[in-house]
PDB file of N, CA and C in Angstrom:
ATOM      1  N   UNK A   1       3.018 -69.054 -10.595  1.00  0.00           N
ATOM      2  CA  UNK A   1       3.707 -68.034 -10.091  1.00  0.00           C
ATOM      3  C   UNK A   1       2.921 -66.863  -9.477  1.00  0.00           C
ATOM      4  N   UNK A   2       1.933 -66.469 -10.062  1.00  0.00           N
ATOM      5  CA  UNK A   2       1.090 -65.456  -9.379  1.00  0.00           C
ATOM      6  C   UNK A   2       0.281 -66.038  -8.245  1.00  0.00           C
ATOM      7  N   UNK A   3      -0.133 -67.448  -8.489  1.00  0.00           N
ATOM      8  CA  UNK A   3      -0.698 -68.025  -7.391  1.00  0.00           C
ATOM      9  C   UNK A   3       0.185 -68.155  -6.203  1.00  0.00           C
ATOM     10  N   UNK A   4       1.450 -68.317  -6.228  1.00  0.00           N
ATOM     11  CA  UNK A   4       2.429 -68.298  -5.218  1.00  0.00           C
ATOM     12  C   UNK A   4       2.575 -66.963  -4.651  1.00  0.00           C
ATOM     13  N   UNK A   5       2.615 -66.047  -5.571  1.00  0.00           N
ATOM     14  CA  UNK A   5       2.704 -64.632  -4.955  1.00  0.00           C
ATOM     15  C   UNK A   5       1.505 -64.405  -4.086  1.00  0.00           C
ATOM     16  N   UNK A   6       0.412 -64.478  -4.569  1.00  0.00           N
ATOM     17  CA  UNK A   6      -0.938 -64.344  -3.818  1.00  0.00           C
ATOM     18  C   UNK A   6      -0.944 -65.198  -2.510  1.00  0.00           C
ATOM     19  N   UNK A   7      -0.220 -66.186  -2.376  1.00  0.00           N
ATOM     20  CA  UNK A   7      -0.381 -67.135  -1.429  1.00  0.00           C
ATOM     21  C   UNK A   7       0.412 -66.362  -0.465  1.00  0.00           C
ATOM     22  N   UNK A   8       1.716 -66.005  -0.722  1.00  0.00           N
ATOM     23  CA  UNK A   8       2.547 -65.373   0.225  1.00  0.00           C
ATOM     24  C   UNK A   8       2.051 -63.891   0.699  1.00  0.00           C
ATOM     25  N   UNK A   9       1.427 -63.250  -0.241  1.00  0.00           N
ATOM     26  CA  UNK A   9       0.804 -62.117   0.287  1.00  0.00           C
ATOM     27  C   UNK A   9      -0.532 -62.167   1.006  1.00  0.00           C
ATOM     28  N   UNK A  10      -0.878 -63.201   1.023  1.00  0.00           N
ATOM     29  CA  UNK A  10      -2.465 -63.313   1.734  1.00  0.00           C
ATOM     30  C   UNK A  10      -2.193 -62.757   3.245  1.00  0.00           C
ATOM     31  N   UNK A  11      -1.331 -63.265   3.980  1.00  0.00           N
ATOM     32  CA  UNK A  11      -1.285 -62.692   5.344  1.00  0.00           C
ATOM     33  C   UNK A  11      -0.737 -61.367   5.463  1.00  0.00           C
ATOM     34  N   UNK A  12       0.009 -60.919   4.522  1.00  0.00           N
ATOM     35  CA  UNK A  12       0.443 -59.451   4.559  1.00  0.00           C
ATOM     36  C   UNK A  12      -0.737 -58.483   4.032  1.00  0.00           C
ATOM     37  N   UNK A  13      -1.725 -59.013   3.449  1.00  0.00           N
ATOM     38  CA  UNK A  13      -2.620 -58.214   2.545  1.00  0.00           C
ATOM     39  C   UNK A  13      -3.123 -57.163   3.586  1.00  0.00           C
ATOM     40  N   UNK A  14      -3.501 -57.412   4.797  1.00  0.00           N
ATOM     41  CA  UNK A  14      -4.022 -56.459   5.645  1.00  0.00           C
ATOM     42  C   UNK A  14      -3.007 -55.283   6.028  1.00  0.00           C
ATOM     43  N   UNK A  15      -1.715 -55.768   6.110  1.00  0.00           N
ATOM     44  CA  UNK A  15      -0.636 -54.708   6.559  1.00  0.00           C
ATOM     45  C   UNK A  15      -0.515 -53.862   5.305  1.00  0.00           C
ATOM     46  N   UNK A  16      -0.354 -54.499   4.090  1.00  0.00           N
ATOM     47  CA  UNK A  16      -0.191 -53.625   2.840  1.00  0.00           C
ATOM     48  C   UNK A  16      -1.303 -52.607   2.593  1.00  0.00           C
ATOM     49  N   UNK A  17      -2.574 -52.944   2.793  1.00  0.00           N
ATOM     50  CA  UNK A  17      -3.597 -51.981   2.747  1.00  0.00           C
ATOM     51  C   UNK A  17      -3.370 -51.021   3.875  1.00  0.00           C
ATOM     52  N   UNK A  18      -3.232 -51.352   5.042  1.00  0.00           N
ATOM     53  CA  UNK A  18      -3.087 -50.259   6.131  1.00  0.00           C
ATOM     54  C   UNK A  18      -1.847 -49.350   5.909  1.00  0.00           C
ATOM     55  N   UNK A  19      -0.823 -49.898   5.206  1.00  0.00           N
ATOM     56  CA  UNK A  19       0.401 -49.135   4.747  1.00  0.00           C
ATOM     57  C   UNK A  19       0.051 -48.164   3.588  1.00  0.00           C
ATOM     58  N   UNK A  20      -0.676 -48.816   2.696  1.00  0.00           N
ATOM     59  CA  UNK A  20      -1.141 -47.941   1.788  1.00  0.00           C
ATOM     60  C   UNK A  20      -2.072 -46.723   2.113  1.00  0.00           C
ATOM     61  N   UNK A  21      -2.896 -47.260   3.085  1.00  0.00           N
ATOM     62  CA  UNK A  21      -3.893 -46.187   3.660  1.00  0.00           C
ATOM     63  C   UNK A  21      -3.163 -44.950   4.181  1.00  0.00           C
ATOM     64  N   UNK A  22      -2.047 -45.452   4.992  1.00  0.00           N
ATOM     65  CA  UNK A  22      -1.192 -44.514   5.863  1.00  0.00           C
ATOM     66  C   UNK A  22      -0.580 -43.645   4.762  1.00  0.00           C
ATOM     67  N   UNK A  23       0.088 -44.106   3.785  1.00  0.00           N
ATOM     68  CA  UNK A  23       0.861 -43.446   2.753  1.00  0.00           C
ATOM     69  C   UNK A  23       0.027 -42.482   2.018  1.00  0.00           C
ATOM     70  N   UNK A  24      -1.325 -42.649   1.789  1.00  0.00           N
ATOM     71  CA  UNK A  24      -2.211 -41.943   1.357  1.00  0.00           C
ATOM     72  C   UNK A  24      -2.706 -40.717   2.101  1.00  0.00           C
ATOM     73  N   UNK A  25      -2.726 -40.981   3.548  1.00  0.00           N
ATOM     74  CA  UNK A  25      -3.132 -39.821   4.417  1.00  0.00           C
ATOM     75  C   UNK A  25      -1.916 -39.106   4.508  1.00  0.00           C
ATOM     76  N   UNK A  26      -0.760 -39.497   4.538  1.00  0.00           N
ATOM     77  CA  UNK A  26       0.666 -38.638   4.718  1.00  0.00           C
ATOM     78  C   UNK A  26       0.744 -37.861   3.381  1.00  0.00           C
ATOM     79  N   UNK A  27       0.338 -38.416   2.110  1.00  0.00           N
ATOM     80  CA  UNK A  27       0.487 -37.526   1.075  1.00  0.00           C
ATOM     81  C   UNK A  27      -0.641 -36.518   1.022  1.00  0.00           C
ATOM     82  N   UNK A  28      -1.768 -36.907   1.432  1.00  0.00           N
ATOM     83  CA  UNK A  28      -2.940 -35.895   1.469  1.00  0.00           C
ATOM     84  C   UNK A  28      -2.533 -34.824   2.239  1.00  0.00           C
ATOM     85  N   UNK A  29      -1.911 -35.040   3.445  1.00  0.00           N
ATOM     86  CA  UNK A  29      -1.602 -34.032   4.554  1.00  0.00           C
ATOM     87  C   UNK A  29      -0.479 -33.310   3.866  1.00  0.00           C
ATOM     88  N   UNK A  30       0.439 -33.785   3.206  1.00  0.00           N
ATOM     89  CA  UNK A  30       1.301 -32.961   2.559  1.00  0.00           C
ATOM     90  C   UNK A  30       0.937 -32.213   1.459  1.00  0.00           C
ATOM     91  N   UNK A  31      -0.150 -32.466   0.781  1.00  0.00           N
ATOM     92  CA  UNK A  31      -0.619 -31.477  -0.309  1.00  0.00           C
ATOM     93  C   UNK A  31      -1.511 -30.487   0.537  1.00  0.00           C
ATOM     94  N   UNK A  32      -2.226 -30.731   1.633  1.00  0.00           N
ATOM     95  CA  UNK A  32      -2.945 -29.787   2.184  1.00  0.00           C
ATOM     96  C   UNK A  32      -2.193 -28.759   2.750  1.00  0.00           C
ATOM     97  N   UNK A  33      -1.005 -29.387   3.478  1.00  0.00           N
ATOM     98  CA  UNK A  33      -0.165 -28.155   4.032  1.00  0.00           C
ATOM     99  C   UNK A  33       0.622 -27.347   2.971  1.00  0.00           C
ATOM    100  N   UNK A  34       0.845 -27.994   1.992  1.00  0.00           N
ATOM    101  CA  UNK A  34       1.551 -27.260   0.861  1.00  0.00           C
ATOM    102  C   UNK A  34       0.432 -26.243   0.237  1.00  0.00           C
ATOM    103  N   UNK A  35      -0.850 -26.464   0.197  1.00  0.00           N
ATOM    104  CA  UNK A  35      -1.876 -25.612  -0.392  1.00  0.00           C
ATOM    105  C   UNK A  35      -2.207 -24.394   0.587  1.00  0.00           C
ATOM    106  N   UNK A  36      -2.161 -24.699   2.039  1.00  0.00           N
ATOM    107  CA  UNK A  36      -2.216 -23.677   3.061  1.00  0.00           C
ATOM    108  C   UNK A  36      -0.845 -22.835   2.938  1.00  0.00           C
ATOM    109  N   UNK A  37       0.286 -23.338   2.927  1.00  0.00           N
ATOM    110  CA  UNK A  37       1.401 -22.664   2.772  1.00  0.00           C
ATOM    111  C   UNK A  37       1.377 -21.734   1.555  1.00  0.00           C
ATOM    112  N   UNK A  38       0.945 -22.166   0.465  1.00  0.00           N
ATOM    113  CA  UNK A  38       0.794 -21.386  -0.689  1.00  0.00           C
ATOM    114  C   UNK A  38      -0.185 -20.055  -0.489  1.00  0.00           C
ATOM    115  N   UNK A  39      -1.303 -20.392   0.228  1.00  0.00           N
ATOM    116  CA  UNK A  39      -2.261 -19.387   0.476  1.00  0.00           C
ATOM    117  C   UNK A  39      -1.760 -18.193   1.316  1.00  0.00           C
ATOM    118  N   UNK A  40      -1.148 -18.854   2.455  1.00  0.00           N
ATOM    119  CA  UNK A  40      -0.395 -17.729   3.410  1.00  0.00           C
ATOM    120  C   UNK A  40       0.544 -17.063   2.797  1.00  0.00           C
ATOM    121  N   UNK A  41       1.395 -17.485   1.981  1.00  0.00           N
ATOM    122  CA  UNK A  41       2.495 -16.732   1.101  1.00  0.00           C
ATOM    123  C   UNK A  41       1.599 -15.639   0.240  1.00  0.00           C
ATOM    124  N   UNK A  42       0.674 -16.140  -0.338  1.00  0.00           N
ATOM    125  CA  UNK A  42       0.055 -15.027  -1.304  1.00  0.00           C
ATOM    126  C   UNK A  42      -0.780 -13.875  -0.370  1.00  0.00           C
ATOM    127  N   UNK A  43      -1.150 -14.213   0.792  1.00  0.00           N
ATOM    128  CA  UNK A  43      -1.816 -13.210   1.618  1.00  0.00           C
ATOM    129  C   UNK A  43      -0.634 -12.123   2.116  1.00  0.00           C
ATOM    130  N   UNK A  44       0.575 -12.965   2.665  1.00  0.00           N
ATOM    131  CA  UNK A  44       1.669 -12.050   3.005  1.00  0.00           C
ATOM    132  C   UNK A  44       2.194 -11.260   1.854  1.00  0.00           C
ATOM    133  N   UNK A  45       2.225 -11.721   0.637  1.00  0.00           N
ATOM    134  CA  UNK A  45       2.698 -11.161  -0.567  1.00  0.00           C
ATOM    135  C   UNK A  45       1.691  -9.735  -0.788  1.00  0.00           C
ATOM    136  N   UNK A  46       0.325  -9.999  -0.689  1.00  0.00           N
ATOM    137  CA  UNK A  46      -0.557  -9.025  -0.850  1.00  0.00           C
ATOM    138  C   UNK A  46      -0.736  -8.056   0.073  1.00  0.00           C
ATOM    139  N   UNK A  47      -0.334  -8.296   1.401  1.00  0.00           N
ATOM    140  CA  UNK A  47      -0.213  -7.563   2.561  1.00  0.00           C
ATOM    141  C   UNK A  47       0.983  -6.504   2.367  1.00  0.00           C
ATOM    142  N   UNK A  48       2.172  -7.213   1.851  1.00  0.00           N
ATOM    143  CA  UNK A  48       3.287  -6.235   1.722  1.00  0.00           C
ATOM    144  C   UNK A  48       3.059  -5.377   0.716  1.00  0.00           C
ATOM    145  N   UNK A  49       2.382  -5.861  -0.475  1.00  0.00           N
ATOM    146  CA  UNK A  49       2.134  -4.836  -1.724  1.00  0.00           C
ATOM    147  C   UNK A  49       1.222  -3.657  -1.194  1.00  0.00           C
ATOM    148  N   UNK A  50       0.279  -3.901  -0.477  1.00  0.00           N
ATOM    149  CA  UNK A  50      -0.577  -2.797   0.161  1.00  0.00           C
ATOM    150  C   UNK A  50       0.267  -1.961   1.031  1.00  0.00           C
ATOM    151  N   UNK A  51       1.189  -2.567   1.705  1.00  0.00           N
ATOM    152  CA  UNK A  51       2.140  -1.431   2.580  1.00  0.00           C
ATOM    153  C   UNK A  51       2.917  -0.712   1.674  1.00  0.00           C
ATOM    154  N   UNK A  52       3.548  -1.342   0.652  1.00  0.00           N
ATOM    155  CA  UNK A  52       4.474  -0.476  -0.293  1.00  0.00           C
ATOM    156  C   UNK A  52       3.601   0.387  -0.850  1.00  0.00           C
ATOM    157  N   UNK A  53       2.244  -0.032  -1.470  1.00  0.00           N
ATOM    158  CA  UNK A  53       1.534   1.015  -2.052  1.00  0.00           C
ATOM    159  C   UNK A  53       1.203   2.250  -1.243  1.00  0.00           C
ATOM    160  N   UNK A  54       0.709   1.887   0.021  1.00  0.00           N
ATOM    161  CA  UNK A  54       0.424   3.050   1.177  1.00  0.00           C
ATOM    162  C   UNK A  54       1.766   3.906   1.172  1.00  0.00           C
ATOM    163  N   UNK A  55       2.775   3.255   1.497  1.00  0.00           N
ATOM    164  CA  UNK A  55       4.145   3.985   1.590  1.00  0.00           C
ATOM    165  C   UNK A  55       4.312   4.953   0.332  1.00  0.00           C
ATOM    166  N   UNK A  56       4.244   4.419  -0.749  1.00  0.00           N
ATOM    167  CA  UNK A  56       4.640   5.203  -2.190  1.00  0.00           C
ATOM    168  C   UNK A  56       3.198   6.325  -2.085  1.00  0.00           C
ATOM    169  N   UNK A  57       2.234   6.151  -1.685  1.00  0.00           N
ATOM    170  CA  UNK A  57       1.294   7.152  -1.524  1.00  0.00           C
ATOM    171  C   UNK A  57       1.738   8.351  -0.634  1.00  0.00           C
ATOM    172  N   UNK A  58       2.086   7.825   0.547  1.00  0.00           N
ATOM    173  CA  UNK A  58       2.494   8.828   1.476  1.00  0.00           C
ATOM    174  C   UNK A  58       3.909   9.606   1.065  1.00  0.00           C
ATOM    175  N   UNK A  59       4.752   8.993   0.304  1.00  0.00           N
ATOM    176  CA  UNK A  59       5.940   9.503  -0.131  1.00  0.00           C
ATOM    177  C   UNK A  59       5.424  10.553  -1.172  1.00  0.00           C
ATOM    178  N   UNK A  60       4.537  10.269  -2.075  1.00  0.00           N
ATOM    179  CA  UNK A  60       4.099  11.115  -3.385  1.00  0.00           C
ATOM    180  C   UNK A  60       3.599  12.213  -2.824  1.00  0.00           C
ATOM    181  N   UNK A  61       2.651  12.156  -1.388  1.00  0.00           N
ATOM    182  CA  UNK A  61       2.016  13.239  -1.020  1.00  0.00           C
ATOM    183  C   UNK A  61       2.971  14.265  -0.419  1.00  0.00           C
ATOM    184  N   UNK A  62       4.096  13.691   0.369  1.00  0.00           N
ATOM    185  CA  UNK A  62       5.220  14.549   0.930  1.00  0.00           C
ATOM    186  C   UNK A  62       5.991  15.174  -0.177  1.00  0.00           C
ATOM    187  N   UNK A  63       6.173  14.436  -1.159  1.00  0.00           N
ATOM    188  CA  UNK A  63       6.870  15.226  -2.438  1.00  0.00           C
ATOM    189  C   UNK A  63       6.128  16.079  -2.809  1.00  0.00           C
ATOM    190  N   UNK A  64       4.764  15.973  -3.116  1.00  0.00           N
ATOM    191  CA  UNK A  64       3.946  17.026  -3.571  1.00  0.00           C
ATOM    192  C   UNK A  64       3.940  18.391  -2.844  1.00  0.00           C
ATOM    193  N   UNK A  65       3.780  18.222  -1.526  1.00  0.00           N
ATOM    194  CA  UNK A  65       3.845  19.292  -0.491  1.00  0.00           C
ATOM    195  C   UNK A  65       5.181  19.870  -0.598  1.00  0.00           C
ATOM    196  N   UNK A  66       6.115  19.235  -0.712  1.00  0.00           N
ATOM    197  CA  UNK A  66       7.696  19.734  -0.722  1.00  0.00           C
ATOM    198  C   UNK A  66       7.709  20.618  -2.015  1.00  0.00           C
ATOM    199  N   UNK A  67       7.038  20.039  -3.053  1.00  0.00           N
ATOM    200  CA  UNK A  67       6.947  20.804  -4.492  1.00  0.00           C
ATOM    201  C   UNK A  67       6.287  22.192  -4.426  1.00  0.00           C
ATOM    202  N   UNK A  68       5.142  22.116  -3.660  1.00  0.00           N
ATOM    203  CA  UNK A  68       4.556  23.324  -3.539  1.00  0.00           C
ATOM    204  C   UNK A  68       5.315  24.415  -2.689  1.00  0.00           C
ATOM    205  N   UNK A  69       5.820  23.902  -1.623  1.00  0.00           N
ATOM    206  CA  UNK A  69       6.658  24.827  -0.681  1.00  0.00           C
ATOM    207  C   UNK A  69       7.720  25.367  -1.549  1.00  0.00           C
ATOM    208  N   UNK A  70       8.335  24.577  -2.382  1.00  0.00           N
ATOM    209  CA  UNK A  70       9.539  24.992  -3.002  1.00  0.00           C
ATOM    210  C   UNK A  70       9.068  26.001  -4.145  1.00  0.00           C
ATOM    211  N   UNK A  71       7.931  25.775  -4.748  1.00  0.00           N
ATOM    212  CA  UNK A  71       7.462  26.694  -5.869  1.00  0.00           C
ATOM    213  C   UNK A  71       7.098  28.006  -5.012  1.00  0.00           C
ATOM    214  N   UNK A  72       6.713  28.120  -3.762  1.00  0.00           N
ATOM    215  CA  UNK A  72       6.354  29.230  -3.212  1.00  0.00           C
ATOM    216  C   UNK A  72       7.746  29.994  -3.009  1.00  0.00           C
ATOM    217  N   UNK A  73       8.753  29.198  -2.425  1.00  0.00           N
ATOM    218  CA  UNK A  73      10.057  29.823  -2.291  1.00  0.00           C
ATOM    219  C   UNK A  73      10.584  30.351  -3.504  1.00  0.00           C
ATOM    220  N   UNK A  74      10.365  29.726  -4.596  1.00  0.00           N
ATOM    221  CA  UNK A  74      10.999  30.277  -5.809  1.00  0.00           C
ATOM    222  C   UNK A  74      10.055  31.632  -6.295  1.00  0.00           C
ATOM    223  N   UNK A  75       8.837  31.536  -6.047  1.00  0.00           N
ATOM    224  CA  UNK A  75       7.983  32.720  -6.465  1.00  0.00           C
ATOM    225  C   UNK A  75       8.517  33.865  -5.571  1.00  0.00           C
ATOM    226  N   UNK A  76       8.860  33.694  -4.172  1.00  0.00           N
ATOM    227  CA  UNK A  76       9.419  34.897  -3.390  1.00  0.00           C
ATOM    228  C   UNK A  76      10.673  35.174  -3.698  1.00  0.00           C
ATOM    229  N   UNK A  77      11.565  34.216  -4.212  1.00  0.00           N
ATOM    230  CA  UNK A  77      13.082  34.732  -4.800  1.00  0.00           C
ATOM    231  C   UNK A  77      12.823  35.472  -5.972  1.00  0.00           C
ATOM    232  N   UNK A  78      11.917  35.163  -6.918  1.00  0.00           N
ATOM    233  CA  UNK A  78      11.868  35.785  -8.137  1.00  0.00           C
ATOM    234  C   UNK A  78      11.065  37.214  -7.908  1.00  0.00           C
ATOM    235  N   UNK A  79      10.466  37.256  -6.874  1.00  0.00           N
ATOM    236  CA  UNK A  79      10.083  38.639  -6.416  1.00  0.00           C
ATOM    237  C   UNK A  79      10.989  39.472  -6.058  1.00  0.00           C
ATOM    238  N   UNK A  80      11.812  38.851  -5.059  1.00  0.00           N
ATOM    239  CA  UNK A  80      13.267  39.505  -4.535  1.00  0.00           C
ATOM    240  C   UNK A  80      14.031  40.116  -5.670  1.00  0.00           C
ATOM    241  N   UNK A  81      14.209  39.078  -6.624  1.00  0.00           N
ATOM    242  CA  UNK A  81      15.031  39.632  -7.801  1.00  0.00           C
ATOM    243  C   UNK A  81      14.610  40.639  -8.590  1.00  0.00           C
ATOM    244  N   UNK A  82      13.224  40.674  -8.799  1.00  0.00           N
ATOM    245  CA  UNK A  82      12.480  41.906  -9.442  1.00  0.00           C
ATOM    246  C   UNK A  82      12.866  42.996  -8.787  1.00  0.00           C
ATOM    247  N   UNK A  83      12.497  42.966  -7.413  1.00  0.00           N
ATOM    248  CA  UNK A  83      12.653  44.144  -6.666  1.00  0.00           C
ATOM    249  C   UNK A  83      13.918  44.779  -6.645  1.00  0.00           C
ATOM    250  N   UNK A  84      15.007  43.824  -6.602  1.00  0.00           N
ATOM    251  CA  UNK A  84      16.226  44.247  -6.718  1.00  0.00           C
ATOM    252  C   UNK A  84      16.796  44.800  -8.011  1.00  0.00           C
ATOM    253  N   UNK A  85      16.181  44.260  -8.949  1.00  0.00           N
ATOM    254  CA  UNK A  85      16.568  45.181 -10.429  1.00  0.00           C
ATOM    255  C   UNK A  85      15.802  46.351 -10.414  1.00  0.00           C
ATOM    256  N   UNK A  86      14.629  46.653  -9.625  1.00  0.00           N
ATOM    257  CA  UNK A  86      14.078  47.631  -9.926  1.00  0.00           C
ATOM    258  C   UNK A  86      14.948  48.727  -8.984  1.00  0.00           C
ATOM    259  N   UNK A  87      15.696  48.276  -8.046  1.00  0.00           N
ATOM    260  CA  UNK A  87      16.384  49.124  -7.309  1.00  0.00           C
ATOM    261  C   UNK A  87      17.594  49.732  -8.148  1.00  0.00           C
ATOM    262  N   UNK A  88      18.002  49.126  -8.999  1.00  0.00           N
ATOM    263  CA  UNK A  88      19.353  49.452  -9.921  1.00  0.00           C
ATOM    264  C   UNK A  88      18.856  50.534 -10.769  1.00  0.00           C
ATOM    265  N   UNK A  89      19.749  51.825 -10.617  1.00  0.00           N
ATOM    266  CA  UNK A  89      19.490  52.873 -11.356  1.00  0.00           C
ATOM    267  C   UNK A  89      19.651  52.915 -12.799  1.00  0.00           C
ATOM    268  N   UNK A  90      20.620  52.127 -13.147  1.00  0.00           N
ATOM    269  CA  UNK A  90      20.904  51.824 -14.618  1.00  0.00           C
ATOM    270  C   UNK A  90      21.127  50.236 -14.860  1.00  0.00           C
ATOM    271  N   UNK A  91      20.046  49.559 -14.969  1.00  0.00           N
ATOM    272  CA  UNK A  91      19.798  48.065 -15.161  1.00  0.00           C
ATOM    273  C   UNK A  91      20.792  47.580 -16.306  1.00  0.00           C
ATOM    274  N   UNK A  92      20.884  48.234 -17.351  1.00  0.00           N
ATOM    275  CA  UNK A  92      21.422  47.756 -18.469  1.00  0.00           C
ATOM    276  C   UNK A  92      23.103  47.883 -18.335  1.00  0.00           C
ATOM    277  N   UNK A  93      23.608  48.819 -17.520  1.00  0.00           N
ATOM    278  CA  UNK A  93      25.121  48.839 -17.312  1.00  0.00           C
ATOM    279  C   UNK A  93      25.505  47.643 -16.387  1.00  0.00           C
ATOM    280  N   UNK A  94      26.775  47.728 -16.783  1.00  0.00           N
ATOM    281  CA  UNK A  94      27.491  46.450 -15.772  1.00  0.00           C
ATOM    282  C   UNK A  94      28.129  47.308 -14.443  1.00  0.00           C
ATOM    283  N   UNK A  95      28.179  48.454 -14.379  1.00  0.00           N
ATOM    284  CA  UNK A  95      28.655  49.275 -13.477  1.00  0.00           C
ATOM    285  C   UNK A  95      27.572  49.484 -12.339  1.00  0.00           C
ATOM    286  N   UNK A  96      27.736  49.490 -11.150  1.00  0.00           N
ATOM    287  CA  UNK A  96      26.794  49.837 -10.119  1.00  0.00           C
ATOM    288  C   UNK A  96      27.306  51.066  -9.445  1.00  0.00           C
ATOM    289  N   UNK A  97      26.221  51.860  -9.121  1.00  0.00           N
ATOM    290  CA  UNK A  97      26.312  53.097  -8.335  1.00  0.00           C
ATOM    291  C   UNK A  97      26.542  52.578  -6.836  1.00  0.00           C
ATOM    292  N   UNK A  98      27.025  53.676  -6.030  1.00  0.00           N
ATOM    293  CA  UNK A  98      27.229  53.140  -4.693  1.00  0.00           C
ATOM    294  C   UNK A  98      25.744  52.789  -4.124  1.00  0.00           C
ATOM    295  N   UNK A  99      24.905  53.582  -4.306  1.00  0.00           N
ATOM    296  CA  UNK A  99      23.573  53.104  -3.948  1.00  0.00           C
ATOM    297  C   UNK A  99      22.930  51.674  -4.492  1.00  0.00           C
ATOM    298  N   UNK A 100      23.317  51.401  -5.712  1.00  0.00           N
ATOM    299  CA  UNK A 100      22.987  50.097  -5.981  1.00  0.00           C
ATOM    300  C   UNK A 100      23.582  48.923  -5.183  1.00  0.00           C
ATOM    301  N   UNK A 101      24.974  49.268  -4.914  1.00  0.00           N
ATOM    302  CA  UNK A 101      25.647  48.183  -4.234  1.00  0.00           C
ATOM    303  C   UNK A 101      24.849  48.039  -2.801  1.00  0.00           C
ATOM    304  N   UNK A 102      24.790  49.293  -2.137  1.00  0.00           N
ATOM    305  CA  UNK A 102      24.118  49.027  -0.869  1.00  0.00           C
ATOM    306  C   UNK A 102      22.835  48.470  -0.992  1.00  0.00           C
ATOM    307  N   UNK A 103      22.096  48.837  -1.993  1.00  0.00           N
ATOM    308  CA  UNK A 103      20.733  48.074  -2.234  1.00  0.00           C
ATOM    309  C   UNK A 103      20.694  46.597  -2.165  1.00  0.00           C
ATOM    310  N   UNK A 104      21.746  46.221  -3.095  1.00  0.00           N
ATOM    311  CA  UNK A 104      21.935  44.834  -3.335  1.00  0.00           C
ATOM    312  C   UNK A 104      22.424  43.905  -2.321  1.00  0.00           C
ATOM    313  N   UNK A 105      23.475  44.752  -1.593  1.00  0.00           N
ATOM    314  CA  UNK A 105      23.874  43.848  -0.154  1.00  0.00           C
ATOM    315  C   UNK A 105      22.719  43.786   0.837  1.00  0.00           C
ATOM    316  N   UNK A 106      21.698  44.654   0.750  1.00  0.00           N
ATOM    317  CA  UNK A 106      20.681  44.424   1.742  1.00  0.00           C
ATOM    318  C   UNK A 106      19.648  43.122   1.353  1.00  0.00           C
ATOM    319  N   UNK A 107      19.880  42.303   0.241  1.00  0.00           N
ATOM    320  CA  UNK A 107      19.248  41.543  -0.190  1.00  0.00           C
ATOM    321  C   UNK A 107      19.371  40.112   0.691  1.00  0.00           C
ATOM    322  N   UNK A 108      20.806  39.873   0.760  1.00  0.00           N
ATOM    323  CA  UNK A 108      21.415  38.906   1.572  1.00  0.00           C
ATOM    324  C   UNK A 108      21.489  38.878   3.016  1.00  0.00           C
ATOM    325  N   UNK A 109      21.229  37.922   3.883  1.00  0.00           N
ATOM    326  CA  UNK A 109      21.459  38.226   5.121  1.00  0.00           C
ATOM    327  C   UNK A 109      23.162  38.432   5.594  1.00  0.00           C
ATOM    328  N   UNK A 110      23.338  39.160   6.453  1.00  0.00           N
ATOM    329  CA  UNK A 110      24.797  39.467   6.911  1.00  0.00           C
ATOM    330  C   UNK A 110      25.274  38.142   7.498  1.00  0.00           C
ATOM    331  N   UNK A 111      26.422  37.779   7.127  1.00  0.00           N
ATOM    332  CA  UNK A 111      27.187  36.520   7.718  1.00  0.00           C
ATOM    333  C   UNK A 111      27.282  36.674   9.245  1.00  0.00           C
ATOM    334  N   UNK A 112      27.377  35.595   9.682  1.00  0.00           N
ATOM    335  CA  UNK A 112      27.654  35.702  11.410  1.00  0.00           C
ATOM    336  C   UNK A 112      29.069  36.006  11.597  1.00  0.00           C
ATOM    337  N   UNK A 113      29.219  36.756  12.742  1.00  0.00           N
ATOM    338  CA  UNK A 113      30.600  37.016  12.980  1.00  0.00           C
ATOM    339  C   UNK A 113      31.261  35.690  13.411  1.00  0.00           C
ATOM    340  N   UNK A 114      32.472  35.350  12.871  1.00  0.00           N
ATOM    341  CA  UNK A 114      33.234  34.240  13.258  1.00  0.00           C
ATOM    342  C   UNK A 114      33.744  34.320  14.708  1.00  0.00           C
ATOM    343  N   UNK A 115      33.783  33.390  15.418  1.00  0.00           N
ATOM    344  CA  UNK A 115      34.192  33.389  16.898  1.00  0.00           C
ATOM    345  C   UNK A 115      35.833  33.629  16.830  1.00  0.00           C
ATOM    346  N   UNK A 116      36.284  34.227  18.078  1.00  0.00           N
ATOM    347  CA  UNK A 116      37.467  34.572  18.200  1.00  0.00           C
ATOM    348  C   UNK A 116      38.345  33.289  18.360  1.00  0.00           C
ATOM    349  N   UNK A 117      39.504  33.253  17.916  1.00  0.00           N
ATOM    350  CA  UNK A 117      40.286  31.895  18.187  1.00  0.00           C
ATOM    351  C   UNK A 117      41.418  32.201  19.261  1.00  0.00           C
TER     352      UNK A 117
END
């Protein structure tokens, strides 16, 4: 039986070997392409991570600058509050003298006049 199979495959041996070689080349090309694709994906993921980190650093720096700006604004407002309290003639009372009211009203900007309708 084996002898018959070998006798029948004898003329096809050359084509079978070429088919096997071609299949091996195609499979090797597939593996190489898959490997290259994975490397490119990893490089793209790394580049995106670097962009995200740089963006995070920029946002943190902007937040820090805003925090410093807000803290200086808070300090100015605390000073204005202390100055306003110093203008009150009787700070422990709930009633204000007319001079106290005028002094306190000078703290806030005057509202803009509403346009005539």
